[in-house]
C-alpha atoms as a PDB file:
ATOM      1  CA  MET A   1    -309.502  70.592  -2.008  1.00  0.00           C
ATOM      2  CA  ALA A   2    -307.594  71.997  -4.868  1.00  0.00           C
ATOM      3  CA  ILE A   3    -305.294  73.944  -2.739  1.00  0.00           C
ATOM      4  CA  LYS A   4    -304.359  70.514  -0.972  1.00  0.00           C
ATOM      5  CA  LYS A   5    -303.770  68.802  -4.389  1.00  0.00           C
ATOM      6  CA  ASP A   6    -302.124  72.129  -5.416  1.00  0.00           C
ATOM      7  CA  SER A   7    -299.402  71.564  -2.384  1.00  0.00           C
ATOM      8  CA  ILE A   8    -299.188  68.098  -2.652  1.00  0.00           C
ATOM      9  CA  LYS A   9    -297.800  68.264  -5.874  1.00  0.00           C
ATOM     10  CA  ILE A  10    -295.332  70.697  -5.057  1.00  0.00           C
ATOM     11  CA  VAL A  11    -294.327  68.402  -2.767  1.00  0.00           C
ATOM     12  CA  VAL A  12    -293.988  65.753  -4.791  1.00  0.00           C
ATOM     13  CA  ASP A  13    -292.508  67.671  -7.418  1.00  0.00           C
ATOM     14  CA  LYS A  14    -289.795  68.831  -5.051  1.00  0.00           C
ATOM     15  CA  LEU A  15    -289.449  64.948  -3.979  1.00  0.00           C
ATOM     16  CA  ASN A  16    -288.624  64.157  -7.750  1.00  0.00           C
ATOM     17  CA  SER A  17    -286.363  66.886  -8.570  1.00  0.00           C
ATOM     18  CA  TYR A  18    -283.940  65.744  -6.476  1.00  0.00           C
ATOM     19  CA  ALA A  19    -281.676  63.743  -8.459  1.00  0.00           C
ATOM     20  CA  ALA A  20    -282.014  66.567 -10.872  1.00  0.00           C
ATOM     21  CA  LEU A  21    -280.371  69.036  -8.325  1.00  0.00           C
ATOM     22  CA  GLN A  22    -277.617  66.528  -7.545  1.00  0.00           C
ATOM     23  CA  LYS A  23    -276.576  66.080 -11.289  1.00  0.00           C
ATOM     24  CA  ASN A  24    -276.423  70.012 -11.962  1.00  0.00           C
ATOM     25  CA  ILE A  25    -274.707  70.494  -8.749  1.00  0.00           C
ATOM     26  CA  GLU A  26    -272.028  67.908  -9.897  1.00  0.00           C
ATOM     27  CA  TYR A  27    -271.979  69.692 -13.243  1.00  0.00           C
ATOM     28  CA  LEU A  28    -271.674  73.352 -12.251  1.00  0.00           C
ATOM     29  CA  ASP A  29    -268.828  71.873  -9.785  1.00  0.00           C
ATOM     30  CA  LYS A  30    -267.127  70.552 -12.699  1.00  0.00           C
ATOM     31  CA  LYS A  31    -267.658  73.765 -14.868  1.00  0.00           C
ATOM     32  CA  ILE A  32    -265.861  76.012 -11.844  1.00  0.00           C
ATOM     33  CA  LYS A  33    -263.186  73.817 -11.728  1.00  0.00           C
ATOM     34  CA  ILE A  34    -262.514  73.668 -15.725  1.00  0.00           C
ATOM     35  CA  ILE A  35    -262.821  77.707 -15.260  1.00  0.00           C
ATOM     36  CA  ASP A  36    -260.141  77.611 -12.547  1.00  0.00           C
ATOM     37  CA  HIS A  37    -258.063  75.702 -14.676  1.00  0.00           C
ATOM     38  CA  GLU A  38    -258.047  77.877 -17.559  1.00  0.00           C
ATOM     39  CA  LEU A  39    -257.671  80.569 -14.717  1.00  0.00           C
ATOM     40  CA  THR A  40    -254.734  79.564 -13.630  1.00  0.00           C
ATOM     41  CA  LYS A  41    -253.085  78.374 -17.552  1.00  0.00           C
ATOM     42  CA  VAL A  42    -254.208  82.388 -18.163  1.00  0.00           C
ATOM     43  CA  LYS A  43    -252.249  83.592 -15.550  1.00  0.00           C
ATOM     44  CA  ILE A  44    -249.029  81.311 -16.104  1.00  0.00           C
ATOM     45  CA  SER A  45    -248.961  82.475 -19.379  1.00  0.00           C
ATOM     46  CA  ARG A  46    -249.382  86.334 -18.397  1.00  0.00           C
ATOM     47  CA  PHE A  47    -246.611  86.152 -15.835  1.00  0.00           C
ATOM     48  CA  GLU A  48    -244.018  84.317 -18.598  1.00  0.00           C
ATOM     49  CA  GLU A  49    -244.924  86.905 -20.874  1.00  0.00           C
ATOM     50  CA  ARG A  50    -244.713  89.976 -19.138  1.00  0.00           C
ATOM     51  CA  ARG A  51    -247.050  91.743 -21.689  1.00  0.00           C
ATOM     52  CA  GLY A  52    -249.888  92.850 -19.883  1.00  0.00           C
ATOM     53  CA  GLY A  53    -253.068  93.683 -21.578  1.00  0.00           C
ATOM     54  CA  GLY A  54    -254.220  90.287 -23.870  1.00  0.00           C
ATOM     55  CA  ASN A  55    -255.094  88.511 -20.950  1.00  0.00           C
ATOM     56  CA  GLU A  56    -256.941  90.968 -18.564  1.00  0.00           C
ATOM     57  CA  TYR A  57    -260.203  90.648 -20.686  1.00  0.00           C
ATOM     58  CA  ARG A  58    -260.156  86.608 -20.708  1.00  0.00           C
ATOM     59  CA  ILE A  59    -259.531  86.532 -16.834  1.00  0.00           C
ATOM     60  CA  GLU A  60    -262.029  89.285 -16.522  1.00  0.00           C
ATOM     61  CA  LYS A  61    -264.436  86.801 -18.617  1.00  0.00           C
ATOM     62  CA  LEU A  62    -263.510  83.756 -16.472  1.00  0.00           C
ATOM     63  CA  LEU A  63    -264.182  85.627 -13.541  1.00  0.00           C
ATOM     64  CA  ASP A  64    -267.511  87.064 -14.643  1.00  0.00           C
ATOM     65  CA  LYS A  65    -268.238  82.988 -15.461  1.00  0.00           C
ATOM     66  CA  LYS A  66    -267.199  81.398 -12.147  1.00  0.00           C
ATOM     67  CA  SER A  67    -269.358  83.687 -10.176  1.00  0.00           C
ATOM     68  CA  GLN A  68    -272.819  83.450 -12.079  1.00  0.00           C
ATOM     69  CA  LEU A  69    -272.115  79.525 -11.443  1.00  0.00           C
ATOM     70  CA  THR A  70    -271.141  79.463  -8.069  1.00  0.00           C
ATOM     71  CA  ASN A  71    -274.277  81.748  -7.476  1.00  0.00           C
ATOM     72  CA  LYS A  72    -276.078  79.014  -9.274  1.00  0.00           C
ATOM     73  CA  LEU A  73    -274.639  75.810  -7.776  1.00  0.00           C
ATOM     74  CA  ASN A  74    -275.182  77.780  -4.079  1.00  0.00           C
ATOM     75  CA  ASP A  75    -278.765  78.004  -4.694  1.00  0.00           C
ATOM     76  CA  LEU A  76    -278.711  74.430  -6.114  1.00  0.00           C
ATOM     77  CA  LYS A  77    -276.772  73.724  -2.928  1.00  0.00           C
ATOM     78  CA  LEU A  78    -279.237  75.641  -0.740  1.00  0.00           C
ATOM     79  CA  GLU A  79    -282.476  73.701  -2.436  1.00  0.00           C
ATOM     80  CA  LYS A  80    -280.626  70.476  -1.802  1.00  0.00           C
ATOM     81  CA  LYS A  81    -280.007  71.096   1.990  1.00  0.00           C
ATOM     82  CA  PHE A  82    -283.812  72.486   2.055  1.00  0.00           C
ATOM     83  CA  ILE A  83    -284.783  69.210   1.212  1.00  0.00           C
ATOM     84  CA  VAL A  84    -282.578  66.243   2.763  1.00  0.00           C
ATOM     85  CA  GLU A  85    -283.729  68.945   6.000  1.00  0.00           C
ATOM     86  CA  ALA A  86    -287.764  68.096   5.869  1.00  0.00           C
ATOM     87  CA  VAL A  87    -287.079  64.391   4.666  1.00  0.00           C
ATOM     88  CA  ASN A  88    -284.778  63.940   7.607  1.00  0.00           C
ATOM     89  CA  SER A  89    -287.545  65.531   9.711  1.00  0.00           C
ATOM     90  CA  LEU A  90    -289.553  62.658   8.928  1.00  0.00           C
ATOM     91  CA  ASP A  91    -289.842  59.597  11.403  1.00  0.00           C
ATOM     92  CA  GLY A  92    -287.594  56.551  10.572  1.00  0.00           C
ATOM     93  CA  ILE A  93    -290.123  54.449   8.996  1.00  0.00           C
ATOM     94  CA  GLU A  94    -291.712  57.939   6.904  1.00  0.00           C
ATOM     95  CA  ARG A  95    -288.325  58.573   5.646  1.00  0.00           C
ATOM     96  CA  GLU A  96    -286.976  55.618   5.099  1.00  0.00           C
ATOM     97  CA  ILE A  97    -289.878  55.238   2.648  1.00  0.00           C
ATOM     98  CA  ILE A  98    -289.553  57.941   1.023  1.00  0.00           C
ATOM     99  CA  VAL A  99    -285.550  58.096   0.113  1.00  0.00           C
ATOM    100  CA  ASP A 100    -285.851  54.902  -1.042  1.00  0.00           C
ATOM    101  CA  PHE A 101    -288.917  56.105  -3.275  1.00  0.00           C
ATOM    102  CA  TYR A 102    -287.518  59.484  -4.253  1.00  0.00           C
ATOM    103  CA  PHE A 103    -283.839  58.882  -4.249  1.00  0.00           C
ATOM    104  CA  LYS A 104    -283.070  55.537  -4.637  1.00  0.00           C
ATOM    105  CA  ASN A 105    -285.810  54.666  -7.416  1.00  0.00           C
ATOM    106  CA  LEU A 106    -287.579  52.149  -5.658  1.00  0.00           C
ATOM    107  CA  ASN A 107    -290.767  51.002  -6.541  1.00  0.00           C
ATOM    108  CA  ILE A 108    -293.467  50.305  -3.926  1.00  0.00           C
ATOM    109  CA  SER A 109    -293.521  46.549  -4.130  1.00  0.00           C
ATOM    110  CA  GLN A 110    -289.578  46.475  -3.639  1.00  0.00           C
ATOM    111  CA  ILE A 111    -289.858  48.845  -0.295  1.00  0.00           C
ATOM    112  CA  ALA A 112    -292.962  46.691   0.513  1.00  0.00           C
ATOM    113  CA  LYS A 113    -290.792  43.777   0.144  1.00  0.00           C
ATOM    114  CA  LYS A 114    -287.819  45.546   1.658  1.00  0.00           C
ATOM    115  CA  PHE A 115    -290.203  46.325   5.585  1.00  0.00           C
ATOM    116  CA  LEU A 116    -292.208  43.300   4.851  1.00  0.00           C
ATOM    117  CA  TYR A 117    -295.294  45.429   5.331  1.00  0.00           C
ATOM    118  CA  SER A 118    -298.263  45.106   2.421  1.00  0.00           C
ATOM    119  CA  GLU A 119    -297.898  47.790  -0.137  1.00  0.00           C
ATOM    120  CA  THR A 120    -301.306  49.594   0.501  1.00  0.00           C
ATOM    121  CA  HIS A 121    -299.641  50.246   3.773  1.00  0.00           C
ATOM    122  CA  VAL A 122    -296.443  51.736   2.357  1.00  0.00           C
ATOM    123  CA  ARG A 123    -298.573  53.534  -0.047  1.00  0.00           C
ATOM    124  CA  ARG A 124    -300.635  54.911   3.231  1.00  0.00           C
ATOM    125  CA  LEU A 125    -297.468  55.705   4.745  1.00  0.00           C
ATOM    126  CA  LYS A 126    -295.910  57.581   1.946  1.00  0.00           C
ATOM    127  CA  SER A 127    -298.927  59.663   1.495  1.00  0.00           C
ATOM    128  CA  ASN A 128    -298.281  60.217   5.831  1.00  0.00           C
ATOM    129  CA  ALA A 129    -294.990  61.597   4.755  1.00  0.00           C
ATOM    130  CA  ILE A 130    -296.123  63.512   1.595  1.00  0.00           C
ATOM    131  CA  THR A 131    -298.716  65.020   4.081  1.00  0.00           C
ATOM    132  CA  ALA A 132    -295.661  65.784   7.010  1.00  0.00           C
ATOM    133  CA  LEU A 133    -293.418  67.244   4.400  1.00  0.00           C
ATOM    134  CA  GLU A 134    -295.974  70.003   2.880  1.00  0.00           C
ATOM    135  CA  LYS A 135    -295.176  72.345   6.286  1.00  0.00           C
ATOM    136  CA  PHE A 136    -291.393  72.000   5.203  1.00  0.00           C
ATOM    137  CA  LEU A 137    -292.152  72.205   1.238  1.00  0.00           C
ATOM    138  CA  ASN A 138    -294.017  74.699   0.249  1.00  0.00           C
END
């Protein structure tokens, strides 16, 4: 039984991490755009100065940083895609309950009112959905 609880906790943790994943993806996107802008400025100033040498190190550092951020961004996007695909594998009502609860931050009472179900039934459907997600998210 402890193994089952551990695997359910992993699923719930991954669903709970979705919002943070999205924020981190947006943050890294912005950081990469800033680096691209900096690279453009450095390249333009290098072209205008025609001296060379001084900006090479800065360009190399910016490219390294961009590469690191891009790798992290791709990892986060892959993780997000994995969660979305797992949730999309659920049947309609279970998928909607998971999306409402974990992605839209609605509580059980709000979801029950939305679907005209009892809170107990919504909890049962949510539990069934999490169990179904175990095979994808563990």
